[in-house]
Amino acid sequence: GANNFSRVYPITFSNDKCGSVEEHATELNNIVNRILQNTDSQKVNIVAHSKGGLDARWYIAHGGAGKVANLLMIGTPNSGSPVSVWYFTGCPPGSDSDLFPGSAATSIVDRPQSTHYYTLVGNWMPDKLCPTGVFGILVTDGGNCFIPGNDDSLVPVHSAGASPLLHYTT
């Protein structure tokens, strides 16, 4: 195409569902190196969904900064998700710890001097009546009742847009 976006490489990690950001970043490094070698390109653009954004941020922060021009994150829990503590994935206990607020994966130091970061934030979940802890008193909350404020059922809007260095374009 006119913008050299004619090649698209869908990625599924070998342990896609339960792998850590470190495992996925190592795999992403090998994939990106192969793409750059096969295309004679200098950099790639990455589009990532949910935890894939954390995987890509980890990769960029740990050696991939010079290889990624743009990272577009869709519904990525950049500052974690409170439901990760309860969300049952069928993965071994602790494998969801990358999604915990305050984890190493959510505290990554980005490299905006070499990579542009973009985030798409969703709040499509309608208001629900949620219990307050006081018998008979309910309040409306946009999305999952376990996440304060608006969310997309798993990722709080504020987390998806959280920019540690105030450098994300939303």
C-alpha atoms as a PDB file:
ATOM      1  CA  GLY A   1       0.000   0.000   0.000  1.00  0.00           C
ATOM      2  CA  ALA A   2       0.885   3.684  -0.183  1.00  0.00           C
ATOM      3  CA  ASN A   3       1.924   3.698   3.494  1.00  0.00           C
ATOM      4  CA  ASN A   4       3.829   0.390   3.325  1.00  0.00           C
ATOM      5  CA  PHE A   5       1.205  -1.372   5.425  1.00  0.00           C
ATOM      6  CA  SER A   6       0.758  -4.111   2.848  1.00  0.00           C
ATOM      7  CA  ARG A   7       2.213  -6.837   5.062  1.00  0.00           C
ATOM      8  CA  VAL A   8       0.355  -7.965   8.157  1.00  0.00           C
ATOM      9  CA  TYR A   9       1.640 -10.746  10.396  1.00  0.00           C
ATOM     10  CA  PRO A  10      -0.886 -12.090  12.910  1.00  0.00           C
ATOM     11  CA  ILE A  11       0.827 -13.390  16.042  1.00  0.00           C
ATOM     12  CA  THR A  12      -0.326 -16.028  18.483  1.00  0.00           C
ATOM     13  CA  PHE A  13       2.181 -16.925  21.172  1.00  0.00           C
ATOM     14  CA  SER A  14       3.000 -20.567  21.841  1.00  0.00           C
ATOM     15  CA  ASN A  15       1.579 -20.244  25.384  1.00  0.00           C
ATOM     16  CA  ASP A  16      -0.810 -17.467  24.407  1.00  0.00           C
ATOM     17  CA  LYS A  17      -3.360 -17.867  27.193  1.00  0.00           C
ATOM     18  CA  CYS A  18      -1.128 -18.411  30.234  1.00  0.00           C
ATOM     19  CA  GLY A  19       2.322 -17.105  29.271  1.00  0.00           C
ATOM     20  CA  SER A  20       4.061 -14.287  31.127  1.00  0.00           C
ATOM     21  CA  VAL A  21       5.010 -10.940  29.591  1.00  0.00           C
ATOM     22  CA  GLU A  22       8.647 -12.004  29.776  1.00  0.00           C
ATOM     23  CA  GLU A  23       7.976 -15.244  27.842  1.00  0.00           C
ATOM     24  CA  HIS A  24       5.866 -13.424  25.268  1.00  0.00           C
ATOM     25  CA  ALA A  25       8.445 -10.625  24.879  1.00  0.00           C
ATOM     26  CA  THR A  26      11.179 -13.181  24.163  1.00  0.00           C
ATOM     27  CA  GLU A  27       8.972 -14.806  21.545  1.00  0.00           C
ATOM     28  CA  LEU A  28       8.023 -11.382  20.139  1.00  0.00           C
ATOM     29  CA  ASN A  29      11.712 -10.509  19.808  1.00  0.00           C
ATOM     30  CA  ASN A  30      12.285 -13.571  17.622  1.00  0.00           C
ATOM     31  CA  ILE A  31       9.177 -12.818  15.539  1.00  0.00           C
ATOM     32  CA  VAL A  32      10.082  -9.141  15.014  1.00  0.00           C
ATOM     33  CA  ASN A  33      13.672 -10.025  14.066  1.00  0.00           C
ATOM     34  CA  ARG A  34      12.352 -12.523  11.498  1.00  0.00           C
ATOM     35  CA  ILE A  35       9.903  -9.945  10.065  1.00  0.00           C
ATOM     36  CA  LEU A  36      12.606  -7.265   9.808  1.00  0.00           C
ATOM     37  CA  GLN A  37      14.967  -9.706   8.108  1.00  0.00           C
ATOM     38  CA  ASN A  38      12.310 -10.932   5.657  1.00  0.00           C
ATOM     39  CA  THR A  39      11.077  -7.454   4.726  1.00  0.00           C
ATOM     40  CA  ASP A  40      14.312  -5.438   4.829  1.00  0.00           C
ATOM     41  CA  SER A  41      12.437  -2.976   7.052  1.00  0.00           C
ATOM     42  CA  GLN A  42      13.995  -0.996   9.890  1.00  0.00           C
ATOM     43  CA  LYS A  43      10.988  -1.049  12.241  1.00  0.00           C
ATOM     44  CA  VAL A  44       7.590  -2.669  12.711  1.00  0.00           C
ATOM     45  CA  ASN A  45       4.239  -1.390  13.909  1.00  0.00           C
ATOM     46  CA  ILE A  46       2.513  -3.508  16.550  1.00  0.00           C
ATOM     47  CA  VAL A  47      -1.238  -3.654  17.167  1.00  0.00           C
ATOM     48  CA  ALA A  48      -1.958  -5.447  20.444  1.00  0.00           C
ATOM     49  CA  HIS A  49      -5.107  -6.367  22.344  1.00  0.00           C
ATOM     50  CA  SER A  50      -5.490  -6.635  26.118  1.00  0.00           C
ATOM     51  CA  LYS A  51      -2.463  -8.299  27.772  1.00  0.00           C
ATOM     52  CA  GLY A  52      -0.747  -8.301  24.380  1.00  0.00           C
ATOM     53  CA  GLY A  53      -0.169  -4.583  24.926  1.00  0.00           C
ATOM     54  CA  LEU A  54       1.700  -5.352  28.150  1.00  0.00           C
ATOM     55  CA  ASP A  55       3.699  -8.032  26.305  1.00  0.00           C
ATOM     56  CA  ALA A  56       4.662  -5.495  23.621  1.00  0.00           C
ATOM     57  CA  ARG A  57       5.460  -2.763  26.169  1.00  0.00           C
ATOM     58  CA  TRP A  58       7.751  -5.234  27.998  1.00  0.00           C
ATOM     59  CA  TYR A  59       9.441  -6.172  24.713  1.00  0.00           C
ATOM     60  CA  ILE A  60       9.990  -2.521  23.767  1.00  0.00           C
ATOM     61  CA  ALA A  61      11.367  -1.661  27.227  1.00  0.00           C
ATOM     62  CA  HIS A  62      13.713  -4.644  27.240  1.00  0.00           C
ATOM     63  CA  GLY A  63      15.598  -4.305  23.979  1.00  0.00           C
ATOM     64  CA  GLY A  64      12.954  -3.804  21.293  1.00  0.00           C
ATOM     65  CA  ALA A  65      12.706   0.008  21.381  1.00  0.00           C
ATOM     66  CA  GLY A  66      14.752   0.532  18.219  1.00  0.00           C
ATOM     67  CA  LYS A  67      12.635  -1.976  16.299  1.00  0.00           C
ATOM     68  CA  VAL A  68       9.095  -0.679  16.954  1.00  0.00           C
ATOM     69  CA  ALA A  69       7.898   2.547  15.340  1.00  0.00           C
ATOM     70  CA  ASN A  70       4.346   2.489  16.733  1.00  0.00           C
ATOM     71  CA  LEU A  71       2.476   0.479  19.338  1.00  0.00           C
ATOM     72  CA  LEU A  72      -1.317   0.606  19.176  1.00  0.00           C
ATOM     73  CA  MET A  73      -2.910  -0.937  22.273  1.00  0.00           C
ATOM     74  CA  ILE A  74      -6.585  -1.928  22.341  1.00  0.00           C
ATOM     75  CA  GLY A  75      -8.101  -2.364  25.815  1.00  0.00           C
ATOM     76  CA  THR A  76      -4.719  -2.949  27.457  1.00  0.00           C
ATOM     77  CA  PRO A  77      -4.724  -2.925  31.282  1.00  0.00           C
ATOM     78  CA  ASN A  78      -1.724  -0.580  31.444  1.00  0.00           C
ATOM     79  CA  SER A  79      -2.074  -0.029  35.188  1.00  0.00           C
ATOM     80  CA  GLY A  80      -3.627  -3.447  35.813  1.00  0.00           C
ATOM     81  CA  SER A  81      -7.119  -4.755  36.351  1.00  0.00           C
ATOM     82  CA  PRO A  82      -8.679  -5.334  39.760  1.00  0.00           C
ATOM     83  CA  VAL A  83     -10.640  -8.326  38.434  1.00  0.00           C
ATOM     84  CA  SER A  84      -7.425 -10.184  37.590  1.00  0.00           C
ATOM     85  CA  VAL A  85      -7.409 -11.345  41.205  1.00  0.00           C
ATOM     86  CA  TRP A  86     -10.786 -13.075  40.699  1.00  0.00           C
ATOM     87  CA  TYR A  87     -10.928 -13.720  36.968  1.00  0.00           C
ATOM     88  CA  PHE A  88     -10.731 -17.470  36.362  1.00  0.00           C
ATOM     89  CA  THR A  89      -8.720 -18.289  33.223  1.00  0.00           C
ATOM     90  CA  GLY A  90      -7.895 -21.926  33.862  1.00  0.00           C
ATOM     91  CA  CYS A  91      -4.206 -21.009  33.988  1.00  0.00           C
ATOM     92  CA  PRO A  92      -1.898 -22.080  36.819  1.00  0.00           C
ATOM     93  CA  PRO A  93      -2.224 -19.947  39.987  1.00  0.00           C
ATOM     94  CA  GLY A  94      -0.098 -16.819  39.753  1.00  0.00           C
ATOM     95  CA  SER A  95       0.101 -16.773  35.961  1.00  0.00           C
ATOM     96  CA  ASP A  96      -2.318 -13.819  35.912  1.00  0.00           C
ATOM     97  CA  SER A  97      -0.019 -11.798  38.196  1.00  0.00           C
ATOM     98  CA  ASP A  98       1.172  -9.653  35.249  1.00  0.00           C
ATOM     99  CA  LEU A  99      -2.332  -8.150  35.218  1.00  0.00           C
ATOM    100  CA  PHE A 100      -2.316  -7.176  38.909  1.00  0.00           C
ATOM    101  CA  PRO A 101      -2.189  -3.418  39.575  1.00  0.00           C
ATOM    102  CA  GLY A 102       1.366  -2.537  40.605  1.00  0.00           C
ATOM    103  CA  SER A 103       2.960  -5.631  39.014  1.00  0.00           C
ATOM    104  CA  ALA A 104       6.286  -5.389  37.179  1.00  0.00           C
ATOM    105  CA  ALA A 105       4.356  -5.727  33.895  1.00  0.00           C
ATOM    106  CA  THR A 106       2.146  -2.712  34.676  1.00  0.00           C
ATOM    107  CA  SER A 107       5.114  -0.663  35.947  1.00  0.00           C
ATOM    108  CA  ILE A 108       7.152  -0.873  32.744  1.00  0.00           C
ATOM    109  CA  VAL A 109       9.175   2.210  31.830  1.00  0.00           C
ATOM    110  CA  ASP A 110       8.170   2.953  28.235  1.00  0.00           C
ATOM    111  CA  ARG A 111      10.523   4.297  25.551  1.00  0.00           C
ATOM    112  CA  PRO A 112       8.580   7.191  23.935  1.00  0.00           C
ATOM    113  CA  GLN A 113      11.796   8.656  22.521  1.00  0.00           C
ATOM    114  CA  SER A 114      11.894   5.793  19.992  1.00  0.00           C
ATOM    115  CA  THR A 115       8.343   4.362  19.848  1.00  0.00           C
ATOM    116  CA  HIS A 116       5.002   6.160  19.529  1.00  0.00           C
ATOM    117  CA  TYR A 117       2.326   4.752  21.855  1.00  0.00           C
ATOM    118  CA  TYR A 118      -1.414   4.843  21.112  1.00  0.00           C
ATOM    119  CA  THR A 119      -4.285   3.426  23.113  1.00  0.00           C
ATOM    120  CA  LEU A 120      -7.896   2.675  22.301  1.00  0.00           C
ATOM    121  CA  VAL A 121     -10.054   2.745  25.403  1.00  0.00           C
ATOM    122  CA  GLY A 122     -13.519   1.165  25.573  1.00  0.00           C
ATOM    123  CA  ASN A 123     -16.388   1.751  27.965  1.00  0.00           C
ATOM    124  CA  TRP A 124     -19.104  -0.079  26.088  1.00  0.00           C
ATOM    125  CA  MET A 125     -20.512  -1.791  29.181  1.00  0.00           C
ATOM    126  CA  PRO A 126     -23.764  -0.113  30.233  1.00  0.00           C
ATOM    127  CA  ASP A 127     -24.394   1.125  33.770  1.00  0.00           C
ATOM    128  CA  LYS A 128     -25.322  -1.680  36.140  1.00  0.00           C
ATOM    129  CA  LEU A 129     -26.934  -1.464  39.531  1.00  0.00           C
ATOM    130  CA  CYS A 130     -24.264  -2.544  41.974  1.00  0.00           C
ATOM    131  CA  PRO A 131     -24.546  -3.253  45.703  1.00  0.00           C
ATOM    132  CA  THR A 132     -22.882  -0.771  48.057  1.00  0.00           C
ATOM    133  CA  GLY A 133     -22.467  -2.959  51.111  1.00  0.00           C
ATOM    134  CA  VAL A 134     -25.388  -1.209  52.774  1.00  0.00           C
ATOM    135  CA  PHE A 135     -28.529  -3.368  52.616  1.00  0.00           C
ATOM    136  CA  GLY A 136     -30.937  -2.223  49.919  1.00  0.00           C
ATOM    137  CA  ILE A 137     -28.746   0.582  48.567  1.00  0.00           C
ATOM    138  CA  LEU A 138     -27.535   0.218  44.992  1.00  0.00           C
ATOM    139  CA  VAL A 139     -25.523   2.599  42.823  1.00  0.00           C
ATOM    140  CA  THR A 140     -24.976   2.682  39.083  1.00  0.00           C
ATOM    141  CA  ASP A 141     -21.518   1.777  37.869  1.00  0.00           C
ATOM    142  CA  GLY A 142     -20.394   1.675  34.236  1.00  0.00           C
ATOM    143  CA  GLY A 143     -19.586  -1.963  33.586  1.00  0.00           C
ATOM    144  CA  ASN A 144     -18.340  -4.654  35.940  1.00  0.00           C
ATOM    145  CA  CYS A 145     -19.449  -4.051  39.551  1.00  0.00           C
ATOM    146  CA  PHE A 146     -16.036  -5.210  40.829  1.00  0.00           C
ATOM    147  CA  ILE A 147     -14.283  -2.370  38.957  1.00  0.00           C
ATOM    148  CA  PRO A 148     -14.969   1.167  40.192  1.00  0.00           C
ATOM    149  CA  GLY A 149     -16.071   3.476  37.361  1.00  0.00           C
ATOM    150  CA  ASN A 150     -16.349   2.796  33.643  1.00  0.00           C
ATOM    151  CA  ASP A 151     -14.788  -0.303  32.136  1.00  0.00           C
ATOM    152  CA  ASP A 152     -15.091  -2.787  29.287  1.00  0.00           C
ATOM    153  CA  SER A 153     -15.955  -5.598  31.724  1.00  0.00           C
ATOM    154  CA  LEU A 154     -12.310  -6.533  32.454  1.00  0.00           C
ATOM    155  CA  VAL A 155     -10.214  -3.378  31.962  1.00  0.00           C
ATOM    156  CA  PRO A 156     -10.953  -0.059  33.703  1.00  0.00           C
ATOM    157  CA  VAL A 157     -11.048   2.922  31.330  1.00  0.00           C
ATOM    158  CA  HIS A 158      -8.483   4.732  33.499  1.00  0.00           C
ATOM    159  CA  SER A 159      -6.115   1.712  33.269  1.00  0.00           C
ATOM    160  CA  ALA A 160      -6.325   1.408  29.480  1.00  0.00           C
ATOM    161  CA  GLY A 161      -5.498   5.093  29.149  1.00  0.00           C
ATOM    162  CA  ALA A 162      -2.894   5.135  31.935  1.00  0.00           C
ATOM    163  CA  SER A 163       0.290   6.641  30.576  1.00  0.00           C
ATOM    164  CA  PRO A 164       3.136   6.458  33.084  1.00  0.00           C
ATOM    165  CA  LEU A 165       5.074   9.206  31.305  1.00  0.00           C
ATOM    166  CA  LEU A 166       1.937  10.978  29.981  1.00  0.00           C
ATOM    167  CA  HIS A 167       2.888  10.016  26.435  1.00  0.00           C
ATOM    168  CA  TYR A 168      -0.015   7.889  25.167  1.00  0.00           C
ATOM    169  CA  THR A 169      -2.212   9.249  22.416  1.00  0.00           C
ATOM    170  CA  THR A 170      -5.798   8.127  23.060  1.00  0.00           C
END
